[in-house]
Amino acid sequence: MVLESGTDHVRGHTDRLRSGMNHLALWAGSRADVDAITREAPQHGWRLLFADLHPHAGGPQHYAAFLEDDAGFEVELVAEEPESLA
């Protein structure tokens, strides 16, 4: 992925409602892997979004962590479905 900034770029804090990338979603392994990354995230400058809905902020069948850094960049770390649900 390449993101470019040109002369028409509007400077400022990243905001999910502005033009451009909202967030990047990545497969992050098992549910245990997503949980481990989520626990470690604050030590690396990331905070959990939608904590009251975590880990199902994307819906009851969607297991993921939504994280944001200090610049406002968001990632969604999605767990692979267990074989019994696939």
PDB file of N, CA and C in Angstrom:
ATOM      1  N   MET A   1       0.845  -1.166   0.000  1.00  0.00           N
ATOM      2  CA  MET A   1       0.000   0.000   0.000  1.00  0.00           C
ATOM      3  C   MET A   1       0.894   1.234   0.000  1.00  0.00           C
ATOM      4  N   VAL A   2       0.514   2.190  -0.794  1.00  0.00           N
ATOM      5  CA  VAL A   2       1.241   3.449  -0.850  1.00  0.00           C
ATOM      6  C   VAL A   2       0.251   4.578  -0.620  1.00  0.00           C
ATOM      7  N   LEU A   3       0.587   5.467   0.293  1.00  0.00           N
ATOM      8  CA  LEU A   3      -0.200   6.671   0.517  1.00  0.00           C
ATOM      9  C   LEU A   3       0.679   7.854   0.153  1.00  0.00           C
ATOM     10  N   GLU A   4       0.142   8.754  -0.641  1.00  0.00           N
ATOM     11  CA  GLU A   4       0.917   9.907  -1.062  1.00  0.00           C
ATOM     12  C   GLU A   4       0.280  11.190  -0.574  1.00  0.00           C
ATOM     13  N   SER A   5       1.120  12.202  -0.459  1.00  0.00           N
ATOM     14  CA  SER A   5       0.660  13.525  -0.065  1.00  0.00           C
ATOM     15  C   SER A   5       1.125  14.511  -1.129  1.00  0.00           C
ATOM     16  N   GLY A   6       0.194  15.249  -1.686  1.00  0.00           N
ATOM     17  CA  GLY A   6       0.531  16.224  -2.709  1.00  0.00           C
ATOM     18  C   GLY A   6       0.269  17.635  -2.234  1.00  0.00           C
ATOM     19  N   THR A   7       0.303  18.564  -3.167  1.00  0.00           N
ATOM     20  CA  THR A   7       0.124  19.972  -2.814  1.00  0.00           C
ATOM     21  C   THR A   7      -1.287  20.271  -2.323  1.00  0.00           C
ATOM     22  N   ASP A   8      -2.261  19.431  -2.688  1.00  0.00           N
ATOM     23  CA  ASP A   8      -3.641  19.645  -2.259  1.00  0.00           C
ATOM     24  C   ASP A   8      -3.971  18.952  -0.940  1.00  0.00           C
ATOM     25  N   HIS A   9      -2.980  18.303  -0.362  1.00  0.00           N
ATOM     26  CA  HIS A   9      -3.194  17.565   0.892  1.00  0.00           C
ATOM     27  C   HIS A   9      -3.621  18.517   2.013  1.00  0.00           C
ATOM     28  N   VAL A  10      -4.655  18.121   2.735  1.00  0.00           N
ATOM     29  CA  VAL A  10      -5.109  18.898   3.887  1.00  0.00           C
ATOM     30  C   VAL A  10      -4.388  18.360   5.114  1.00  0.00           C
ATOM     31  N   ARG A  11      -3.608  19.196   5.738  1.00  0.00           N
ATOM     32  CA  ARG A  11      -2.844  18.776   6.905  1.00  0.00           C
ATOM     33  C   ARG A  11      -3.752  18.696   8.122  1.00  0.00           C
ATOM     34  N   GLY A  12      -3.350  17.890   9.063  1.00  0.00           N
ATOM     35  CA  GLY A  12      -4.101  17.777  10.299  1.00  0.00           C
ATOM     36  C   GLY A  12      -4.160  16.354  10.787  1.00  0.00           C
ATOM     37  N   HIS A  13      -4.725  16.208  11.948  1.00  0.00           N
ATOM     38  CA  HIS A  13      -4.852  14.921  12.598  1.00  0.00           C
ATOM     39  C   HIS A  13      -5.712  13.992  11.741  1.00  0.00           C
ATOM     40  N   THR A  14      -5.307  12.730  11.654  1.00  0.00           N
ATOM     41  CA  THR A  14      -6.095  11.747  10.931  1.00  0.00           C
ATOM     42  C   THR A  14      -7.458  11.614  11.589  1.00  0.00           C
ATOM     43  N   ASP A  15      -8.484  11.595  10.774  1.00  0.00           N
ATOM     44  CA  ASP A  15      -9.846  11.482  11.287  1.00  0.00           C
ATOM     45  C   ASP A  15     -10.600  10.525  10.378  1.00  0.00           C
ATOM     46  N   ARG A  16     -11.268   9.533  10.953  1.00  0.00           N
ATOM     47  CA  ARG A  16     -11.953   8.528  10.157  1.00  0.00           C
ATOM     48  C   ARG A  16     -13.045   9.118   9.282  1.00  0.00           C
ATOM     49  N   LEU A  17     -13.486  10.334   9.546  1.00  0.00           N
ATOM     50  CA  LEU A  17     -14.536  10.957   8.752  1.00  0.00           C
ATOM     51  C   LEU A  17     -13.993  11.836   7.631  1.00  0.00           C
ATOM     52  N   ARG A  18     -12.674  12.044   7.591  1.00  0.00           N
ATOM     53  CA  ARG A  18     -12.069  12.833   6.513  1.00  0.00           C
ATOM     54  C   ARG A  18     -11.843  11.946   5.303  1.00  0.00           C
ATOM     55  N   SER A  19     -11.605  12.567   4.183  1.00  0.00           N
ATOM     56  CA  SER A  19     -11.246  11.820   2.984  1.00  0.00           C
ATOM     57  C   SER A  19      -9.947  11.080   3.227  1.00  0.00           C
ATOM     58  N   GLY A  20      -9.815   9.934   2.592  1.00  0.00           N
ATOM     59  CA  GLY A  20      -8.604   9.134   2.744  1.00  0.00           C
ATOM     60  C   GLY A  20      -8.924   7.806   3.402  1.00  0.00           C
ATOM     61  N   MET A  21      -7.887   7.149   3.857  1.00  0.00           N
ATOM     62  CA  MET A  21      -8.053   5.832   4.452  1.00  0.00           C
ATOM     63  C   MET A  21      -8.736   5.930   5.815  1.00  0.00           C
ATOM     64  N   ASN A  22      -9.762   5.103   6.031  1.00  0.00           N
ATOM     65  CA  ASN A  22     -10.436   5.050   7.324  1.00  0.00           C
ATOM     66  C   ASN A  22      -9.617   4.220   8.292  1.00  0.00           C
ATOM     67  N   HIS A  23      -9.387   2.972   7.967  1.00  0.00           N
ATOM     68  CA  HIS A  23      -8.540   2.111   8.783  1.00  0.00           C
ATOM     69  C   HIS A  23      -8.062   0.943   7.939  1.00  0.00           C
ATOM     70  N   LEU A  24      -7.070   0.248   8.457  1.00  0.00           N
ATOM     71  CA  LEU A  24      -6.508  -0.902   7.785  1.00  0.00           C
ATOM     72  C   LEU A  24      -6.906  -2.137   8.572  1.00  0.00           C
ATOM     73  N   ALA A  25      -7.527  -3.117   7.918  1.00  0.00           N
ATOM     74  CA  ALA A  25      -7.923  -4.358   8.571  1.00  0.00           C
ATOM     75  C   ALA A  25      -6.952  -5.463   8.169  1.00  0.00           C
ATOM     76  N   LEU A  26      -6.513  -6.235   9.165  1.00  0.00           N
ATOM     77  CA  LEU A  26      -5.528  -7.291   8.937  1.00  0.00           C
ATOM     78  C   LEU A  26      -5.962  -8.576   9.623  1.00  0.00           C
ATOM     79  N   TRP A  27      -5.728  -9.721   8.977  1.00  0.00           N
ATOM     80  CA  TRP A  27      -5.887 -10.988   9.666  1.00  0.00           C
ATOM     81  C   TRP A  27      -4.772 -11.061  10.689  1.00  0.00           C
ATOM     82  N   ALA A  28      -5.104 -11.423  11.926  1.00  0.00           N
ATOM     83  CA  ALA A  28      -4.116 -11.381  13.007  1.00  0.00           C
ATOM     84  C   ALA A  28      -3.937 -12.724  13.705  1.00  0.00           C
ATOM     85  N   GLY A  29      -4.375 -13.799  13.089  1.00  0.00           N
ATOM     86  CA  GLY A  29      -4.202 -15.116  13.686  1.00  0.00           C
ATOM     87  C   GLY A  29      -5.429 -15.544  14.468  1.00  0.00           C
ATOM     88  N   SER A  30      -5.191 -16.312  15.503  1.00  0.00           N
ATOM     89  CA  SER A  30      -6.280 -16.849  16.314  1.00  0.00           C
ATOM     90  C   SER A  30      -6.843 -15.786  17.255  1.00  0.00           C
ATOM     91  N   ARG A  31      -7.928 -16.137  17.934  1.00  0.00           N
ATOM     92  CA  ARG A  31      -8.471 -15.235  18.937  1.00  0.00           C
ATOM     93  C   ARG A  31      -7.446 -14.986  20.041  1.00  0.00           C
ATOM     94  N   ALA A  32      -6.718 -16.030  20.423  1.00  0.00           N
ATOM     95  CA  ALA A  32      -5.671 -15.865  21.444  1.00  0.00           C
ATOM     96  C   ALA A  32      -4.590 -14.907  20.961  1.00  0.00           C
ATOM     97  N   ASP A  33      -4.258 -14.955  19.668  1.00  0.00           N
ATOM     98  CA  ASP A  33      -3.263 -14.031  19.104  1.00  0.00           C
ATOM     99  C   ASP A  33      -3.774 -12.597  19.162  1.00  0.00           C
ATOM    100  N   VAL A  34      -5.034 -12.386  18.777  1.00  0.00           N
ATOM    101  CA  VAL A  34      -5.629 -11.043  18.833  1.00  0.00           C
ATOM    102  C   VAL A  34      -5.629 -10.533  20.270  1.00  0.00           C
ATOM    103  N   ASP A  35      -5.990 -11.395  21.217  1.00  0.00           N
ATOM    104  CA  ASP A  35      -6.002 -10.998  22.629  1.00  0.00           C
ATOM    105  C   ASP A  35      -4.605 -10.617  23.112  1.00  0.00           C
ATOM    106  N   ALA A  36      -3.592 -11.393  22.719  1.00  0.00           N
ATOM    107  CA  ALA A  36      -2.214 -11.109  23.138  1.00  0.00           C
ATOM    108  C   ALA A  36      -1.732  -9.780  22.564  1.00  0.00           C
ATOM    109  N   ILE A  37      -2.012  -9.535  21.290  1.00  0.00           N
ATOM    110  CA  ILE A  37      -1.612  -8.271  20.663  1.00  0.00           C
ATOM    111  C   ILE A  37      -2.322  -7.102  21.339  1.00  0.00           C
ATOM    112  N   THR A  38      -3.603  -7.281  21.641  1.00  0.00           N
ATOM    113  CA  THR A  38      -4.376  -6.226  22.302  1.00  0.00           C
ATOM    114  C   THR A  38      -3.789  -5.890  23.671  1.00  0.00           C
ATOM    115  N   ARG A  39      -3.384  -6.898  24.422  1.00  0.00           N
ATOM    116  CA  ARG A  39      -2.765  -6.660  25.741  1.00  0.00           C
ATOM    117  C   ARG A  39      -1.454  -5.891  25.618  1.00  0.00           C
ATOM    118  N   GLU A  40      -0.675  -6.184  24.587  1.00  0.00           N
ATOM    119  CA  GLU A  40       0.633  -5.553  24.388  1.00  0.00           C
ATOM    120  C   GLU A  40       0.551  -4.180  23.720  1.00  0.00           C
ATOM    121  N   ALA A  41      -0.539  -3.902  23.034  1.00  0.00           N
ATOM    122  CA  ALA A  41      -0.674  -2.685  22.216  1.00  0.00           C
ATOM    123  C   ALA A  41      -0.371  -1.390  22.964  1.00  0.00           C
ATOM    124  N   PRO A  42      -0.884  -1.178  24.192  1.00  0.00           N
ATOM    125  CA  PRO A  42      -0.613   0.092  24.871  1.00  0.00           C
ATOM    126  C   PRO A  42       0.881   0.350  25.111  1.00  0.00           C
ATOM    127  N   GLN A  43       1.653  -0.688  25.262  1.00  0.00           N
ATOM    128  CA  GLN A  43       3.094  -0.528  25.461  1.00  0.00           C
ATOM    129  C   GLN A  43       3.799  -0.052  24.196  1.00  0.00           C
ATOM    130  N   HIS A  44       3.080  -0.095  23.079  1.00  0.00           N
ATOM    131  CA  HIS A  44       3.653   0.313  21.792  1.00  0.00           C
ATOM    132  C   HIS A  44       2.921   1.514  21.192  1.00  0.00           C
ATOM    133  N   GLY A  45       2.164   2.231  22.036  1.00  0.00           N
ATOM    134  CA  GLY A  45       1.533   3.474  21.592  1.00  0.00           C
ATOM    135  C   GLY A  45       0.153   3.324  20.982  1.00  0.00           C
ATOM    136  N   TRP A  46      -0.502   2.184  21.156  1.00  0.00           N
ATOM    137  CA  TRP A  46      -1.831   1.965  20.601  1.00  0.00           C
ATOM    138  C   TRP A  46      -2.848   1.876  21.725  1.00  0.00           C
ATOM    139  N   ARG A  47      -4.066   2.398  21.473  1.00  0.00           N
ATOM    140  CA  ARG A  47      -5.125   2.285  22.469  1.00  0.00           C
ATOM    141  C   ARG A  47      -6.305   1.558  21.837  1.00  0.00           C
ATOM    142  N   LEU A  48      -7.035   0.841  22.685  1.00  0.00           N
ATOM    143  CA  LEU A  48      -8.191   0.073  22.230  1.00  0.00           C
ATOM    144  C   LEU A  48      -9.380   1.000  22.017  1.00  0.00           C
ATOM    145  N   LEU A  49      -9.994   0.901  20.849  1.00  0.00           N
ATOM    146  CA  LEU A  49     -11.222   1.634  20.544  1.00  0.00           C
ATOM    147  C   LEU A  49     -12.421   0.745  20.867  1.00  0.00           C
ATOM    148  N   PHE A  50     -13.550   1.345  21.134  1.00  0.00           N
ATOM    149  CA  PHE A  50     -14.792   0.617  21.364  1.00  0.00           C
ATOM    150  C   PHE A  50     -14.627  -0.438  22.464  1.00  0.00           C
ATOM    151  N   ALA A  51     -13.939  -0.063  23.547  1.00  0.00           N
ATOM    152  CA  ALA A  51     -13.621  -1.011  24.618  1.00  0.00           C
ATOM    153  C   ALA A  51     -14.870  -1.657  25.202  1.00  0.00           C
ATOM    154  N   ASP A  52     -15.968  -0.917  25.228  1.00  0.00           N
ATOM    155  CA  ASP A  52     -17.200  -1.471  25.792  1.00  0.00           C
ATOM    156  C   ASP A  52     -17.803  -2.571  24.916  1.00  0.00           C
ATOM    157  N   LEU A  53     -17.413  -2.638  23.651  1.00  0.00           N
ATOM    158  CA  LEU A  53     -17.923  -3.648  22.729  1.00  0.00           C
ATOM    159  C   LEU A  53     -16.876  -4.706  22.362  1.00  0.00           C
ATOM    160  N   HIS A  54     -15.649  -4.499  22.788  1.00  0.00           N
ATOM    161  CA  HIS A  54     -14.540  -5.398  22.450  1.00  0.00           C
ATOM    162  C   HIS A  54     -14.790  -6.782  23.029  1.00  0.00           C
ATOM    163  N   PRO A  55     -14.521  -7.851  22.323  1.00  0.00           N
ATOM    164  CA  PRO A  55     -13.922  -7.972  20.991  1.00  0.00           C
ATOM    165  C   PRO A  55     -14.936  -8.105  19.851  1.00  0.00           C
ATOM    166  N   HIS A  56     -16.184  -7.728  20.098  1.00  0.00           N
ATOM    167  CA  HIS A  56     -17.225  -7.889  19.076  1.00  0.00           C
ATOM    168  C   HIS A  56     -17.747  -6.543  18.576  1.00  0.00           C
ATOM    169  N   ALA A  57     -16.890  -5.529  18.524  1.00  0.00           N
ATOM    170  CA  ALA A  57     -17.313  -4.206  18.050  1.00  0.00           C
ATOM    171  C   ALA A  57     -17.786  -4.247  16.605  1.00  0.00           C
ATOM    172  N   GLY A  58     -17.313  -5.227  15.845  1.00  0.00           N
ATOM    173  CA  GLY A  58     -17.741  -5.366  14.455  1.00  0.00           C
ATOM    174  C   GLY A  58     -18.974  -6.229  14.286  1.00  0.00           C
ATOM    175  N   GLY A  59     -19.556  -6.678  15.384  1.00  0.00           N
ATOM    176  CA  GLY A  59     -20.747  -7.521  15.351  1.00  0.00           C
ATOM    177  C   GLY A  59     -20.515  -8.808  16.119  1.00  0.00           C
ATOM    178  N   PRO A  60     -21.584  -9.520  16.444  1.00  0.00           N
ATOM    179  CA  PRO A  60     -21.466 -10.697  17.300  1.00  0.00           C
ATOM    180  C   PRO A  60     -20.661 -11.847  16.697  1.00  0.00           C
ATOM    181  N   GLN A  61     -20.587 -11.935  15.388  1.00  0.00           N
ATOM    182  CA  GLN A  61     -19.836 -13.012  14.739  1.00  0.00           C
ATOM    183  C   GLN A  61     -18.429 -12.583  14.311  1.00  0.00           C
ATOM    184  N   HIS A  62     -18.034 -11.360  14.699  1.00  0.00           N
ATOM    185  CA  HIS A  62     -16.757 -10.777  14.254  1.00  0.00           C
ATOM    186  C   HIS A  62     -15.873 -10.540  15.464  1.00  0.00           C
ATOM    187  N   TYR A  63     -14.752 -11.265  15.565  1.00  0.00           N
ATOM    188  CA  TYR A  63     -13.836 -11.154  16.699  1.00  0.00           C
ATOM    189  C   TYR A  63     -12.627 -10.341  16.253  1.00  0.00           C
ATOM    190  N   ALA A  64     -12.489  -9.143  16.795  1.00  0.00           N
ATOM    191  CA  ALA A  64     -11.404  -8.256  16.352  1.00  0.00           C
ATOM    192  C   ALA A  64     -11.082  -7.225  17.419  1.00  0.00           C
ATOM    193  N   ALA A  65      -9.907  -6.647  17.289  1.00  0.00           N
ATOM    194  CA  ALA A  65      -9.504  -5.513  18.116  1.00  0.00           C
ATOM    195  C   ALA A  65      -9.350  -4.311  17.195  1.00  0.00           C
ATOM    196  N   PHE A  66      -9.974  -3.209  17.563  1.00  0.00           N
ATOM    197  CA  PHE A  66      -9.827  -1.952  16.831  1.00  0.00           C
ATOM    198  C   PHE A  66      -8.877  -1.091  17.661  1.00  0.00           C
ATOM    199  N   LEU A  67      -7.736  -0.726  17.079  1.00  0.00           N
ATOM    200  CA  LEU A  67      -6.705   0.026  17.792  1.00  0.00           C
ATOM    201  C   LEU A  67      -6.413   1.331  17.071  1.00  0.00           C
ATOM    202  N   GLU A  68      -5.991   2.339  17.843  1.00  0.00           N
ATOM    203  CA  GLU A  68      -5.649   3.650  17.284  1.00  0.00           C
ATOM    204  C   GLU A  68      -4.351   4.123  17.911  1.00  0.00           C
ATOM    205  N   ASP A  69      -3.484   4.757  17.090  1.00  0.00           N
ATOM    206  CA  ASP A  69      -2.249   5.322  17.636  1.00  0.00           C
ATOM    207  C   ASP A  69      -2.434   6.817  17.885  1.00  0.00           C
ATOM    208  N   ASP A  70      -1.389   7.459  18.404  1.00  0.00           N
ATOM    209  CA  ASP A  70      -1.478   8.884  18.760  1.00  0.00           C
ATOM    210  C   ASP A  70      -1.724   9.793  17.562  1.00  0.00           C
ATOM    211  N   ALA A  71      -1.359   9.334  16.358  1.00  0.00           N
ATOM    212  CA  ALA A  71      -1.578  10.133  15.148  1.00  0.00           C
ATOM    213  C   ALA A  71      -2.990   9.950  14.601  1.00  0.00           C
ATOM    214  N   GLY A  72      -3.764   9.037  15.199  1.00  0.00           N
ATOM    215  CA  GLY A  72      -5.124   8.811  14.755  1.00  0.00           C
ATOM    216  C   GLY A  72      -5.277   7.695  13.745  1.00  0.00           C
ATOM    217  N   PHE A  73      -4.192   6.976  13.445  1.00  0.00           N
ATOM    218  CA  PHE A  73      -4.288   5.858  12.517  1.00  0.00           C
ATOM    219  C   PHE A  73      -4.947   4.679  13.224  1.00  0.00           C
ATOM    220  N   GLU A  74      -5.869   4.016  12.532  1.00  0.00           N
ATOM    221  CA  GLU A  74      -6.608   2.903  13.107  1.00  0.00           C
ATOM    222  C   GLU A  74      -6.299   1.611  12.366  1.00  0.00           C
ATOM    223  N   VAL A  75      -6.195   0.532  13.139  1.00  0.00           N
ATOM    224  CA  VAL A  75      -6.080  -0.802  12.570  1.00  0.00           C
ATOM    225  C   VAL A  75      -7.154  -1.681  13.200  1.00  0.00           C
ATOM    226  N   GLU A  76      -7.601  -2.629  12.434  1.00  0.00           N
ATOM    227  CA  GLU A  76      -8.555  -3.632  12.902  1.00  0.00           C
ATOM    228  C   GLU A  76      -7.850  -4.976  12.777  1.00  0.00           C
ATOM    229  N   LEU A  77      -7.603  -5.621  13.898  1.00  0.00           N
ATOM    230  CA  LEU A  77      -6.931  -6.911  13.909  1.00  0.00           C
ATOM    231  C   LEU A  77      -7.992  -7.992  14.044  1.00  0.00           C
ATOM    232  N   VAL A  78      -8.200  -8.739  12.977  1.00  0.00           N
ATOM    233  CA  VAL A  78      -9.299  -9.690  12.890  1.00  0.00           C
ATOM    234  C   VAL A  78      -8.793 -11.103  13.155  1.00  0.00           C
ATOM    235  N   ALA A  79      -9.505 -11.817  14.026  1.00  0.00           N
ATOM    236  CA  ALA A  79      -9.163 -13.209  14.303  1.00  0.00           C
ATOM    237  C   ALA A  79      -9.746 -14.107  13.232  1.00  0.00           C
ATOM    238  N   GLU A  80      -8.987 -15.127  12.883  1.00  0.00           N
ATOM    239  CA  GLU A  80      -9.509 -16.140  11.967  1.00  0.00           C
ATOM    240  C   GLU A  80     -10.632 -16.884  12.667  1.00  0.00           C
ATOM    241  N   GLU A  81     -11.616 -17.299  11.923  1.00  0.00           N
ATOM    242  CA  GLU A  81     -12.743 -18.033  12.494  1.00  0.00           C
ATOM    243  C   GLU A  81     -12.279 -19.410  12.957  1.00  0.00           C
ATOM    244  N   PRO A  82     -12.724 -19.833  14.133  1.00  0.00           N
ATOM    245  CA  PRO A  82     -12.438 -21.213  14.530  1.00  0.00           C
ATOM    246  C   PRO A  82     -13.039 -22.169  13.501  1.00  0.00           C
ATOM    247  N   GLU A  83     -12.402 -23.330  13.300  1.00  0.00           N
ATOM    248  CA  GLU A  83     -12.882 -24.265  12.278  1.00  0.00           C
ATOM    249  C   GLU A  83     -14.328 -24.667  12.487  1.00  0.00           C
ATOM    250  N   SER A  84     -14.788 -24.721  13.729  1.00  0.00           N
ATOM    251  CA  SER A  84     -16.168 -25.121  13.995  1.00  0.00           C
ATOM    252  C   SER A  84     -17.184 -24.093  13.501  1.00  0.00           C
ATOM    253  N   LEU A  85     -16.727 -22.835  13.284  1.00  0.00           N
ATOM    254  CA  LEU A  85     -17.638 -21.788  12.805  1.00  0.00           C
ATOM    255  C   LEU A  85     -17.438 -21.480  11.330  1.00  0.00           C
ATOM    256  N   ALA A  86     -16.373 -21.961  10.752  1.00  0.00           N
ATOM    257  CA  ALA A  86     -16.036 -21.606   9.368  1.00  0.00           C
ATOM    258  C   ALA A  86     -17.005 -22.226   8.382  1.00  0.00           C
TER     259      ALA A  86
END
